[in-house]
Amino acid sequence: MIHRVIHEVTCCSLAPKSLQFDPYTFTFLTLILSLQASYAAPLILLAQNRQADRDRLAMEEDRRRAAMQKADTEFLAREIAALRIALGEVATRDFLRSELARLADELDEAAHRRQKLERKEWEEERT
């Protein structure tokens, strides 16, 4: 097509008047370009419709993936929250150490009281 256009332009503008086959400048070129546009337009419209269909399908797939990712993210957020709550109920190392130290102090105090009581009973038996 481009060759025909270049040929028409050169023949109508550069050739001598006796060799020009189109007495009205570029009339035949206009006719050829109109013919080309008349069969190209439906093909362009079909291509646009196909591209629109592909874009619509791609958009639906993107929406589906986004919904799945959102659901996965929400599920993971709930799981993390549940783990945080569960970890809040689990005894930590520092808590266990403090509790063991407190119990050891209570046992030492109870042993000391028992020794006092035993000594007191022993002294009462001696007297």
C-alpha atoms as a PDB file:
ATOM      1  CA  MET A   1       0.000   0.000   0.000  1.00  0.00           C
ATOM      2  CA  ILE A   2       2.762   2.408   0.862  1.00  0.00           C
ATOM      3  CA  HIS A   3       4.410   1.713  -2.482  1.00  0.00           C
ATOM      4  CA  ARG A   4       1.216   2.642  -4.298  1.00  0.00           C
ATOM      5  CA  VAL A   5       0.949   5.916  -2.355  1.00  0.00           C
ATOM      6  CA  ILE A   6       4.569   6.839  -3.071  1.00  0.00           C
ATOM      7  CA  HIS A   7       4.085   6.001  -6.772  1.00  0.00           C
ATOM      8  CA  GLU A   8       0.918   8.124  -6.964  1.00  0.00           C
ATOM      9  CA  VAL A   9       2.565  11.107  -5.293  1.00  0.00           C
ATOM     10  CA  THR A  10       5.612  10.979  -7.546  1.00  0.00           C
ATOM     11  CA  CYS A  11       3.582  10.466 -10.728  1.00  0.00           C
ATOM     12  CA  CYS A  12       1.120  13.264  -9.965  1.00  0.00           C
ATOM     13  CA  SER A  13       3.599  15.820  -8.766  1.00  0.00           C
ATOM     14  CA  LEU A  14       6.946  15.157 -10.439  1.00  0.00           C
ATOM     15  CA  ALA A  15       6.039  13.675 -13.815  1.00  0.00           C
ATOM     16  CA  PRO A  16       5.346  15.906 -16.814  1.00  0.00           C
ATOM     17  CA  LYS A  17       1.695  16.654 -17.553  1.00  0.00           C
ATOM     18  CA  SER A  18       1.631  14.313 -20.541  1.00  0.00           C
ATOM     19  CA  LEU A  19       2.641  11.317 -18.386  1.00  0.00           C
ATOM     20  CA  GLN A  20       0.303  12.056 -15.470  1.00  0.00           C
ATOM     21  CA  PHE A  21      -2.665   9.658 -15.602  1.00  0.00           C
ATOM     22  CA  ASP A  22      -4.708  11.604 -13.002  1.00  0.00           C
ATOM     23  CA  PRO A  23      -5.640  15.024 -14.362  1.00  0.00           C
ATOM     24  CA  TYR A  24      -7.031  16.057 -10.965  1.00  0.00           C
ATOM     25  CA  THR A  25      -4.170  15.901  -8.528  1.00  0.00           C
ATOM     26  CA  PHE A  26      -4.439  13.083  -5.950  1.00  0.00           C
ATOM     27  CA  THR A  27      -8.038  12.086  -6.804  1.00  0.00           C
ATOM     28  CA  PHE A  28      -7.013   8.510  -7.463  1.00  0.00           C
ATOM     29  CA  LEU A  29      -4.866   8.534  -4.307  1.00  0.00           C
ATOM     30  CA  THR A  30      -7.858   9.703  -2.281  1.00  0.00           C
ATOM     31  CA  LEU A  31      -9.946   6.911  -3.792  1.00  0.00           C
ATOM     32  CA  ILE A  32      -7.308   4.291  -2.911  1.00  0.00           C
ATOM     33  CA  LEU A  33      -6.925   5.559   0.653  1.00  0.00           C
ATOM     34  CA  SER A  34     -10.712   5.605   1.107  1.00  0.00           C
ATOM     35  CA  LEU A  35     -10.890   2.018  -0.143  1.00  0.00           C
ATOM     36  CA  GLN A  36      -8.145   0.992   2.263  1.00  0.00           C
ATOM     37  CA  ALA A  37      -9.914   2.756   5.152  1.00  0.00           C
ATOM     38  CA  SER A  38     -13.227   1.097   4.277  1.00  0.00           C
ATOM     39  CA  TYR A  39     -11.852  -2.432   4.661  1.00  0.00           C
ATOM     40  CA  ALA A  40      -9.471  -1.558   7.528  1.00  0.00           C
ATOM     41  CA  ALA A  41     -12.088   0.056   9.777  1.00  0.00           C
ATOM     42  CA  PRO A  42     -14.063  -3.143  10.549  1.00  0.00           C
ATOM     43  CA  LEU A  43     -10.817  -5.007  11.206  1.00  0.00           C
ATOM     44  CA  ILE A  44      -9.699  -2.290  13.617  1.00  0.00           C
ATOM     45  CA  LEU A  45     -13.060  -2.397  15.390  1.00  0.00           C
ATOM     46  CA  LEU A  46     -12.843  -6.185  15.699  1.00  0.00           C
ATOM     47  CA  ALA A  47      -9.350  -5.900  17.124  1.00  0.00           C
ATOM     48  CA  GLN A  48     -10.536  -3.283  19.614  1.00  0.00           C
ATOM     49  CA  ASN A  49     -13.440  -5.510  20.688  1.00  0.00           C
ATOM     50  CA  ARG A  50     -11.083  -8.433  21.170  1.00  0.00           C
ATOM     51  CA  GLN A  51      -8.714  -6.275  23.189  1.00  0.00           C
ATOM     52  CA  ALA A  52     -11.631  -5.032  25.303  1.00  0.00           C
ATOM     53  CA  ASP A  53     -12.625  -8.650  25.972  1.00  0.00           C
ATOM     54  CA  ARG A  54      -9.057  -9.519  26.965  1.00  0.00           C
ATOM     55  CA  ASP A  55      -8.891  -6.461  29.232  1.00  0.00           C
ATOM     56  CA  ARG A  56     -12.208  -7.402  30.849  1.00  0.00           C
ATOM     57  CA  LEU A  57     -11.016 -10.959  31.492  1.00  0.00           C
ATOM     58  CA  ALA A  58      -7.715  -9.696  32.880  1.00  0.00           C
ATOM     59  CA  MET A  59      -9.580  -7.273  35.154  1.00  0.00           C
ATOM     60  CA  GLU A  60     -11.864 -10.038  36.433  1.00  0.00           C
ATOM     61  CA  GLU A  61      -8.839 -12.245  37.098  1.00  0.00           C
ATOM     62  CA  ASP A  62      -7.126  -9.380  38.941  1.00  0.00           C
ATOM     63  CA  ARG A  63     -10.244  -8.821  41.055  1.00  0.00           C
ATOM     64  CA  ARG A  64     -10.447 -12.530  41.861  1.00  0.00           C
ATOM     65  CA  ARG A  65      -6.793 -12.637  42.866  1.00  0.00           C
ATOM     66  CA  ALA A  66      -7.149  -9.471  44.935  1.00  0.00           C
ATOM     67  CA  ALA A  67     -10.152 -10.958  46.754  1.00  0.00           C
ATOM     68  CA  MET A  68      -8.217 -14.166  47.452  1.00  0.00           C
ATOM     69  CA  GLN A  69      -5.210 -12.207  48.712  1.00  0.00           C
ATOM     70  CA  LYS A  70      -7.460 -10.086  50.912  1.00  0.00           C
ATOM     71  CA  ALA A  71      -9.099 -13.194  52.366  1.00  0.00           C
ATOM     72  CA  ASP A  72      -5.683 -14.773  52.963  1.00  0.00           C
ATOM     73  CA  THR A  73      -4.418 -11.601  54.621  1.00  0.00           C
ATOM     74  CA  GLU A  74      -7.469 -11.375  56.866  1.00  0.00           C
ATOM     75  CA  PHE A  75      -7.084 -15.047  57.823  1.00  0.00           C
ATOM     76  CA  LEU A  76      -3.423 -14.543  58.676  1.00  0.00           C
ATOM     77  CA  ALA A  77      -4.247 -11.421  60.677  1.00  0.00           C
ATOM     78  CA  ARG A  78      -6.813 -13.384  62.700  1.00  0.00           C
ATOM     79  CA  GLU A  79      -4.298 -16.196  63.259  1.00  0.00           C
ATOM     80  CA  ILE A  80      -1.637 -13.749  64.427  1.00  0.00           C
ATOM     81  CA  ALA A  81      -4.129 -12.104  66.775  1.00  0.00           C
ATOM     82  CA  ALA A  82      -5.082 -15.510  68.180  1.00  0.00           C
ATOM     83  CA  LEU A  83      -1.414 -16.354  68.700  1.00  0.00           C
ATOM     84  CA  ARG A  84      -0.822 -13.058  70.478  1.00  0.00           C
ATOM     85  CA  ILE A  85      -3.779 -13.710  72.770  1.00  0.00           C
ATOM     86  CA  ALA A  86      -2.570 -17.263  73.427  1.00  0.00           C
ATOM     87  CA  LEU A  87       0.949 -16.036  74.132  1.00  0.00           C
ATOM     88  CA  GLY A  88      -0.482 -13.514  76.576  1.00  0.00           C
ATOM     89  CA  GLU A  89      -1.836 -16.443  78.589  1.00  0.00           C
ATOM     90  CA  VAL A  90       1.416 -18.440  78.467  1.00  0.00           C
ATOM     91  CA  ALA A  91       3.850 -18.022  81.336  1.00  0.00           C
ATOM     92  CA  THR A  92       7.046 -16.290  80.332  1.00  0.00           C
ATOM     93  CA  ARG A  93      10.520 -17.119  81.587  1.00  0.00           C
ATOM     94  CA  ASP A  94      10.666 -14.029  83.821  1.00  0.00           C
ATOM     95  CA  PHE A  95       7.260 -14.788  85.294  1.00  0.00           C
ATOM     96  CA  LEU A  96       8.309 -18.369  86.087  1.00  0.00           C
ATOM     97  CA  ARG A  97      11.543 -17.160  87.704  1.00  0.00           C
ATOM     98  CA  SER A  98       9.710 -14.671  89.888  1.00  0.00           C
ATOM     99  CA  GLU A  99       7.118 -17.250  90.908  1.00  0.00           C
ATOM    100  CA  LEU A 100       9.805 -19.829  91.735  1.00  0.00           C
ATOM    101  CA  ALA A 101      11.726 -17.246  93.765  1.00  0.00           C
ATOM    102  CA  ARG A 102       8.545 -16.303  95.657  1.00  0.00           C
ATOM    103  CA  LEU A 103       7.758 -19.982  96.350  1.00  0.00           C
ATOM    104  CA  ALA A 104      11.339 -20.600  97.496  1.00  0.00           C
ATOM    105  CA  ASP A 105      11.050 -17.651  99.884  1.00  0.00           C
ATOM    106  CA  GLU A 106       7.745 -18.994 101.216  1.00  0.00           C
ATOM    107  CA  LEU A 107       9.287 -22.452 101.727  1.00  0.00           C
ATOM    108  CA  ASP A 108      12.276 -20.936 103.520  1.00  0.00           C
ATOM    109  CA  GLU A 109       9.953 -18.931 105.729  1.00  0.00           C
ATOM    110  CA  ALA A 110       7.817 -22.008 106.458  1.00  0.00           C
ATOM    111  CA  ALA A 111      10.919 -24.041 107.277  1.00  0.00           C
ATOM    112  CA  HIS A 112      12.163 -21.290 109.583  1.00  0.00           C
ATOM    113  CA  ARG A 113       8.778 -21.152 111.361  1.00  0.00           C
ATOM    114  CA  ARG A 114       8.765 -24.945 111.696  1.00  0.00           C
ATOM    115  CA  GLN A 115      12.258 -24.900 113.188  1.00  0.00           C
ATOM    116  CA  LYS A 116      11.139 -22.233 115.647  1.00  0.00           C
ATOM    117  CA  LEU A 117       8.089 -24.263 116.537  1.00  0.00           C
ATOM    118  CA  GLU A 118      10.146 -27.449 116.955  1.00  0.00           C
ATOM    119  CA  ARG A 119      12.688 -25.610 119.116  1.00  0.00           C
ATOM    120  CA  LYS A 120       9.887 -24.162 121.206  1.00  0.00           C
ATOM    121  CA  GLU A 121       8.328 -27.632 121.645  1.00  0.00           C
ATOM    122  CA  TRP A 122      11.714 -29.121 122.489  1.00  0.00           C
ATOM    123  CA  GLU A 123      12.332 -26.441 125.116  1.00  0.00           C
ATOM    124  CA  GLU A 124       8.867 -27.038 126.592  1.00  0.00           C
ATOM    125  CA  GLU A 125       9.600 -30.742 126.828  1.00  0.00           C
ATOM    126  CA  ARG A 126      12.838 -30.033 128.606  1.00  0.00           C
ATOM    127  CA  THR A 127      11.182 -27.894 131.168  1.00  0.00           C
END
